[in-house]
């Protein structure tokens, strides 16, 4: 099984937190994520991705190295 580089994973999490801050500062949190009738917002998508990435970090066999 191939694992994600822990440094790249941590970097992706940090980058997404930066994106989350910018989206909030621009007032785009409640903007719909698409024009296809979805009720999901950009903020919902960001939260889902952060949860996924943080779960990957928590379950990484290299967790101690990334800390």
PDB file of N, CA and C in Angstrom:
ATOM      1  N   UNK A   1       0.843  -1.180   0.000  1.00  0.00           N
ATOM      2  CA  UNK A   1       0.000   0.000   0.000  1.00  0.00           C
ATOM      3  C   UNK A   1       0.888   1.244   0.000  1.00  0.00           C
ATOM      4  N   UNK A   2       0.528   2.227  -0.790  1.00  0.00           N
ATOM      5  CA  UNK A   2       1.295   3.453  -0.884  1.00  0.00           C
ATOM      6  C   UNK A   2       0.633   4.516  -0.010  1.00  0.00           C
ATOM      7  N   UNK A   3       1.458   5.232   0.754  1.00  0.00           N
ATOM      8  CA  UNK A   3       0.952   6.267   1.643  1.00  0.00           C
ATOM      9  C   UNK A   3       1.318   7.648   1.122  1.00  0.00           C
ATOM     10  N   UNK A   4       0.565   8.632   1.594  1.00  0.00           N
ATOM     11  CA  UNK A   4       0.810  10.014   1.224  1.00  0.00           C
ATOM     12  C   UNK A   4       1.980  10.536   2.060  1.00  0.00           C
ATOM     13  N   UNK A   5       2.845  11.308   1.435  1.00  0.00           N
ATOM     14  CA  UNK A   5       3.949  11.928   2.146  1.00  0.00           C
ATOM     15  C   UNK A   5       3.372  12.802   3.261  1.00  0.00           C
ATOM     16  N   UNK A   6       3.776  12.585   4.521  1.00  0.00           N
ATOM     17  CA  UNK A   6       3.176  13.336   5.636  1.00  0.00           C
ATOM     18  C   UNK A   6       3.419  14.838   5.554  1.00  0.00           C
ATOM     19  N   UNK A   7       4.564  15.246   5.011  1.00  0.00           N
ATOM     20  CA  UNK A   7       4.822  16.678   4.875  1.00  0.00           C
ATOM     21  C   UNK A   7       3.893  17.308   3.844  1.00  0.00           C
ATOM     22  N   UNK A   8       3.647  16.606   2.749  1.00  0.00           N
ATOM     23  CA  UNK A   8       2.729  17.111   1.728  1.00  0.00           C
ATOM     24  C   UNK A   8       1.298  17.159   2.250  1.00  0.00           C
ATOM     25  N   UNK A   9       0.941  16.164   3.051  1.00  0.00           N
ATOM     26  CA  UNK A   9      -0.400  16.126   3.627  1.00  0.00           C
ATOM     27  C   UNK A   9      -0.602  17.290   4.591  1.00  0.00           C
ATOM     28  N   UNK A  10       0.361  17.528   5.452  1.00  0.00           N
ATOM     29  CA  UNK A  10       0.274  18.658   6.384  1.00  0.00           C
ATOM     30  C   UNK A  10       0.221  19.978   5.633  1.00  0.00           C
ATOM     31  N   UNK A  11       0.995  20.084   4.569  1.00  0.00           N
ATOM     32  CA  UNK A  11       0.994  21.291   3.747  1.00  0.00           C
ATOM     33  C   UNK A  11      -0.383  21.509   3.111  1.00  0.00           C
ATOM     34  N   UNK A  12      -1.004  20.439   2.632  1.00  0.00           N
ATOM     35  CA  UNK A  12      -2.335  20.553   2.019  1.00  0.00           C
ATOM     36  C   UNK A  12      -3.362  21.023   3.046  1.00  0.00           C
ATOM     37  N   UNK A  13      -3.277  20.514   4.268  1.00  0.00           N
ATOM     38  CA  UNK A  13      -4.201  20.929   5.328  1.00  0.00           C
ATOM     39  C   UNK A  13      -4.011  22.425   5.629  1.00  0.00           C
ATOM     40  N   UNK A  14      -2.774  22.843   5.777  1.00  0.00           N
ATOM     41  CA  UNK A  14      -2.487  24.265   6.049  1.00  0.00           C
ATOM     42  C   UNK A  14      -2.979  25.149   4.913  1.00  0.00           C
ATOM     43  N   UNK A  15      -2.743  24.722   3.682  1.00  0.00           N
ATOM     44  CA  UNK A  15      -3.202  25.492   2.527  1.00  0.00           C
ATOM     45  C   UNK A  15      -4.719  25.625   2.512  1.00  0.00           C
ATOM     46  N   UNK A  16      -5.407  24.557   2.846  1.00  0.00           N
ATOM     47  CA  UNK A  16      -6.866  24.609   2.829  1.00  0.00           C
ATOM     48  C   UNK A  16      -7.403  25.509   3.935  1.00  0.00           C
ATOM     49  N   UNK A  17      -6.730  25.542   5.089  1.00  0.00           N
ATOM     50  CA  UNK A  17      -7.132  26.492   6.127  1.00  0.00           C
ATOM     51  C   UNK A  17      -6.957  27.929   5.638  1.00  0.00           C
ATOM     52  N   UNK A  18      -5.898  28.179   4.875  1.00  0.00           N
ATOM     53  CA  UNK A  18      -5.703  29.514   4.292  1.00  0.00           C
ATOM     54  C   UNK A  18      -6.830  29.847   3.316  1.00  0.00           C
ATOM     55  N   UNK A  19      -7.199  28.882   2.478  1.00  0.00           N
ATOM     56  CA  UNK A  19      -8.300  29.079   1.526  1.00  0.00           C
ATOM     57  C   UNK A  19      -9.597  29.351   2.283  1.00  0.00           C
ATOM     58  N   UNK A  20      -9.817  28.604   3.350  1.00  0.00           N
ATOM     59  CA  UNK A  20     -11.027  28.784   4.160  1.00  0.00           C
ATOM     60  C   UNK A  20     -11.118  30.217   4.695  1.00  0.00           C
ATOM     61  N   UNK A  21      -9.987  30.757   5.176  1.00  0.00           N
ATOM     62  CA  UNK A  21      -9.965  32.131   5.693  1.00  0.00           C
ATOM     63  C   UNK A  21     -10.282  33.146   4.601  1.00  0.00           C
ATOM     64  N   UNK A  22      -9.707  32.947   3.417  1.00  0.00           N
ATOM     65  CA  UNK A  22      -9.946  33.878   2.310  1.00  0.00           C
ATOM     66  C   UNK A  22     -11.411  33.821   1.872  1.00  0.00           C
ATOM     67  N   UNK A  23     -11.948  32.623   1.751  1.00  0.00           N
ATOM     68  CA  UNK A  23     -13.352  32.467   1.356  1.00  0.00           C
ATOM     69  C   UNK A  23     -14.254  33.190   2.350  1.00  0.00           C
ATOM     70  N   UNK A  24     -13.959  33.032   3.637  1.00  0.00           N
ATOM     71  CA  UNK A  24     -14.763  33.712   4.665  1.00  0.00           C
ATOM     72  C   UNK A  24     -14.610  35.225   4.557  1.00  0.00           C
ATOM     73  N   UNK A  25     -13.367  35.708   4.382  1.00  0.00           N
ATOM     74  CA  UNK A  25     -13.138  37.154   4.313  1.00  0.00           C
ATOM     75  C   UNK A  25     -13.815  37.794   3.102  1.00  0.00           C
ATOM     76  N   UNK A  26     -14.001  37.013   2.058  1.00  0.00           N
ATOM     77  CA  UNK A  26     -14.669  37.517   0.855  1.00  0.00           C
ATOM     78  C   UNK A  26     -16.189  37.355   0.915  1.00  0.00           C
ATOM     79  N   UNK A  27     -16.681  36.777   2.006  1.00  0.00           N
ATOM     80  CA  UNK A  27     -18.121  36.589   2.171  1.00  0.00           C
ATOM     81  C   UNK A  27     -18.704  35.513   1.281  1.00  0.00           C
ATOM     82  N   UNK A  28     -17.884  34.518   0.942  1.00  0.00           N
ATOM     83  CA  UNK A  28     -18.335  33.475   0.017  1.00  0.00           C
ATOM     84  C   UNK A  28     -18.729  32.165   0.712  1.00  0.00           C
ATOM     85  N   UNK A  29     -18.724  32.130   2.029  1.00  0.00           N
ATOM     86  CA  UNK A  29     -19.032  30.895   2.757  1.00  0.00           C
ATOM     87  C   UNK A  29     -20.355  30.260   2.332  1.00  0.00           C
ATOM     88  N   UNK A  30     -21.359  31.081   2.165  1.00  0.00           N
ATOM     89  CA  UNK A  30     -22.699  30.556   1.878  1.00  0.00           C
ATOM     90  C   UNK A  30     -23.025  30.492   0.395  1.00  0.00           C
ATOM     91  N   UNK A  31     -22.033  30.732  -0.447  1.00  0.00           N
ATOM     92  CA  UNK A  31     -22.231  30.621  -1.891  1.00  0.00           C
ATOM     93  C   UNK A  31     -22.410  29.156  -2.259  1.00  0.00           C
ATOM     94  N   UNK A  32     -23.409  28.891  -3.096  1.00  0.00           N
ATOM     95  CA  UNK A  32     -23.630  27.508  -3.520  1.00  0.00           C
ATOM     96  C   UNK A  32     -22.421  26.997  -4.291  1.00  0.00           C
ATOM     97  N   UNK A  33     -22.113  25.720  -4.101  1.00  0.00           N
ATOM     98  CA  UNK A  33     -20.910  25.154  -4.707  1.00  0.00           C
ATOM     99  C   UNK A  33     -21.043  24.936  -6.206  1.00  0.00           C
ATOM    100  N   UNK A  34     -22.271  24.898  -6.709  1.00  0.00           N
ATOM    101  CA  UNK A  34     -22.468  24.712  -8.148  1.00  0.00           C
ATOM    102  C   UNK A  34     -23.807  25.311  -8.560  1.00  0.00           C
ATOM    103  N   UNK A  35     -24.087  25.254  -9.835  1.00  0.00           N
ATOM    104  CA  UNK A  35     -25.355  25.765 -10.368  1.00  0.00           C
ATOM    105  C   UNK A  35     -26.264  24.633 -10.813  1.00  0.00           C
ATOM    106  N   UNK A  36     -26.145  23.501 -10.140  1.00  0.00           N
ATOM    107  CA  UNK A  36     -26.909  22.318 -10.539  1.00  0.00           C
ATOM    108  C   UNK A  36     -28.012  21.973  -9.545  1.00  0.00           C
ATOM    109  N   UNK A  37     -28.437  22.944  -8.755  1.00  0.00           N
ATOM    110  CA  UNK A  37     -29.523  22.718  -7.807  1.00  0.00           C
ATOM    111  C   UNK A  37     -29.072  22.157  -6.476  1.00  0.00           C
ATOM    112  N   UNK A  38     -27.795  22.076  -6.254  1.00  0.00           N
ATOM    113  CA  UNK A  38     -27.274  21.571  -4.996  1.00  0.00           C
ATOM    114  C   UNK A  38     -27.493  22.586  -3.890  1.00  0.00           C
ATOM    115  N   UNK A  39     -27.697  22.105  -2.668  1.00  0.00           N
ATOM    116  CA  UNK A  39     -27.830  23.005  -1.531  1.00  0.00           C
ATOM    117  C   UNK A  39     -26.509  23.164  -0.795  1.00  0.00           C
ATOM    118  N   UNK A  40     -25.491  22.422  -1.210  1.00  0.00           N
ATOM    119  CA  UNK A  40     -24.189  22.494  -0.564  1.00  0.00           C
ATOM    120  C   UNK A  40     -23.486  23.800  -0.887  1.00  0.00           C
ATOM    121  N   UNK A  41     -22.781  24.330   0.105  1.00  0.00           N
ATOM    122  CA  UNK A  41     -22.079  25.597  -0.075  1.00  0.00           C
ATOM    123  C   UNK A  41     -20.571  25.359  -0.231  1.00  0.00           C
ATOM    124  N   UNK A  42     -19.874  26.407  -0.604  1.00  0.00           N
ATOM    125  CA  UNK A  42     -18.422  26.336  -0.693  1.00  0.00           C
ATOM    126  C   UNK A  42     -17.852  25.978   0.667  1.00  0.00           C
ATOM    127  N   UNK A  43     -18.395  26.562   1.708  1.00  0.00           N
ATOM    128  CA  UNK A  43     -17.937  26.267   3.071  1.00  0.00           C
ATOM    129  C   UNK A  43     -18.135  24.791   3.414  1.00  0.00           C
ATOM    130  N   UNK A  44     -19.264  24.212   3.007  1.00  0.00           N
ATOM    131  CA  UNK A  44     -19.510  22.784   3.238  1.00  0.00           C
ATOM    132  C   UNK A  44     -18.435  21.931   2.573  1.00  0.00           C
ATOM    133  N   UNK A  45     -18.087  22.281   1.350  1.00  0.00           N
ATOM    134  CA  UNK A  45     -17.062  21.534   0.610  1.00  0.00           C
ATOM    135  C   UNK A  45     -15.713  21.621   1.310  1.00  0.00           C
ATOM    136  N   UNK A  46     -15.354  22.819   1.730  1.00  0.00           N
ATOM    137  CA  UNK A  46     -14.074  23.005   2.405  1.00  0.00           C
ATOM    138  C   UNK A  46     -14.039  22.182   3.686  1.00  0.00           C
ATOM    139  N   UNK A  47     -15.116  22.213   4.455  1.00  0.00           N
ATOM    140  CA  UNK A  47     -15.168  21.442   5.704  1.00  0.00           C
ATOM    141  C   UNK A  47     -15.055  19.943   5.439  1.00  0.00           C
ATOM    142  N   UNK A  48     -15.730  19.454   4.403  1.00  0.00           N
ATOM    143  CA  UNK A  48     -15.643  18.030   4.046  1.00  0.00           C
ATOM    144  C   UNK A  48     -14.219  17.631   3.682  1.00  0.00           C
ATOM    145  N   UNK A  49     -13.556  18.470   2.898  1.00  0.00           N
ATOM    146  CA  UNK A  49     -12.181  18.181   2.473  1.00  0.00           C
ATOM    147  C   UNK A  49     -11.233  18.227   3.664  1.00  0.00           C
ATOM    148  N   UNK A  50     -11.409  19.228   4.544  1.00  0.00           N
ATOM    149  CA  UNK A  50     -10.564  19.314   5.740  1.00  0.00           C
ATOM    150  C   UNK A  50     -10.738  18.079   6.618  1.00  0.00           C
ATOM    151  N   UNK A  51     -11.966  17.653   6.811  1.00  0.00           N
ATOM    152  CA  UNK A  51     -12.229  16.457   7.614  1.00  0.00           C
ATOM    153  C   UNK A  51     -11.522  15.246   7.017  1.00  0.00           C
ATOM    154  N   UNK A  52     -11.629  15.084   5.706  1.00  0.00           N
ATOM    155  CA  UNK A  52     -10.997  13.967   5.019  1.00  0.00           C
ATOM    156  C   UNK A  52      -9.480  14.005   5.190  1.00  0.00           C
ATOM    157  N   UNK A  53      -8.875  15.171   4.945  1.00  0.00           N
ATOM    158  CA  UNK A  53      -7.423  15.292   5.053  1.00  0.00           C
ATOM    159  C   UNK A  53      -6.943  15.085   6.488  1.00  0.00           C
ATOM    160  N   UNK A  54      -7.685  15.615   7.452  1.00  0.00           N
ATOM    161  CA  UNK A  54      -7.297  15.446   8.845  1.00  0.00           C
ATOM    162  C   UNK A  54      -7.437  13.995   9.289  1.00  0.00           C
ATOM    163  N   UNK A  55      -8.415  13.280   8.749  1.00  0.00           N
ATOM    164  CA  UNK A  55      -8.535  11.849   9.035  1.00  0.00           C
ATOM    165  C   UNK A  55      -7.373  11.081   8.432  1.00  0.00           C
ATOM    166  N   UNK A  56      -6.949  11.468   7.231  1.00  0.00           N
ATOM    167  CA  UNK A  56      -5.773  10.845   6.634  1.00  0.00           C
ATOM    168  C   UNK A  56      -4.546  11.078   7.518  1.00  0.00           C
ATOM    169  N   UNK A  57      -4.388  12.302   8.004  1.00  0.00           N
ATOM    170  CA  UNK A  57      -3.263  12.617   8.888  1.00  0.00           C
ATOM    171  C   UNK A  57      -3.304  11.761  10.152  1.00  0.00           C
ATOM    172  N   UNK A  58      -4.481  11.663  10.747  1.00  0.00           N
ATOM    173  CA  UNK A  58      -4.628  10.927  12.004  1.00  0.00           C
ATOM    174  C   UNK A  58      -4.350   9.441  11.833  1.00  0.00           C
ATOM    175  N   UNK A  59      -4.629   8.911  10.650  1.00  0.00           N
ATOM    176  CA  UNK A  59      -4.458   7.477  10.411  1.00  0.00           C
ATOM    177  C   UNK A  59      -3.176   7.146   9.675  1.00  0.00           C
ATOM    178  N   UNK A  60      -2.345   8.131   9.461  1.00  0.00           N
ATOM    179  CA  UNK A  60      -1.097   7.911   8.742  1.00  0.00           C
ATOM    180  C   UNK A  60      -0.129   7.096   9.593  1.00  0.00           C
ATOM    181  N   UNK A  61       0.528   6.103   8.987  1.00  0.00           N
ATOM    182  CA  UNK A  61       1.526   5.352   9.744  1.00  0.00           C
ATOM    183  C   UNK A  61       2.752   6.217  10.031  1.00  0.00           C
ATOM    184  N   UNK A  62       2.824   7.378   9.416  1.00  0.00           N
ATOM    185  CA  UNK A  62       3.945   8.289   9.602  1.00  0.00           C
ATOM    186  C   UNK A  62       3.558   9.466  10.483  1.00  0.00           C
ATOM    187  N   UNK A  63       2.451   9.359  11.214  1.00  0.00           N
ATOM    188  CA  UNK A  63       1.922  10.456  12.005  1.00  0.00           C
ATOM    189  C   UNK A  63       2.993  11.076  12.911  1.00  0.00           C
ATOM    190  N   UNK A  64       3.804  10.264  13.547  1.00  0.00           N
ATOM    191  CA  UNK A  64       4.809  10.787  14.471  1.00  0.00           C
ATOM    192  C   UNK A  64       5.842  11.622  13.742  1.00  0.00           C
ATOM    193  N   UNK A  65       6.178  11.269  12.491  1.00  0.00           N
ATOM    194  CA  UNK A  65       7.149  12.032  11.722  1.00  0.00           C
ATOM    195  C   UNK A  65       6.612  13.382  11.316  1.00  0.00           C
ATOM    196  N   UNK A  66       5.297  13.455  11.047  1.00  0.00           N
ATOM    197  CA  UNK A  66       4.688  14.698  10.576  1.00  0.00           C
ATOM    198  C   UNK A  66       4.505  15.698  11.710  1.00  0.00           C
ATOM    199  N   UNK A  67       4.463  15.206  12.926  1.00  0.00           N
ATOM    200  CA  UNK A  67       4.213  16.083  14.092  1.00  0.00           C
ATOM    201  C   UNK A  67       5.406  16.944  14.419  1.00  0.00           C
TER     202      UNK A  67
END
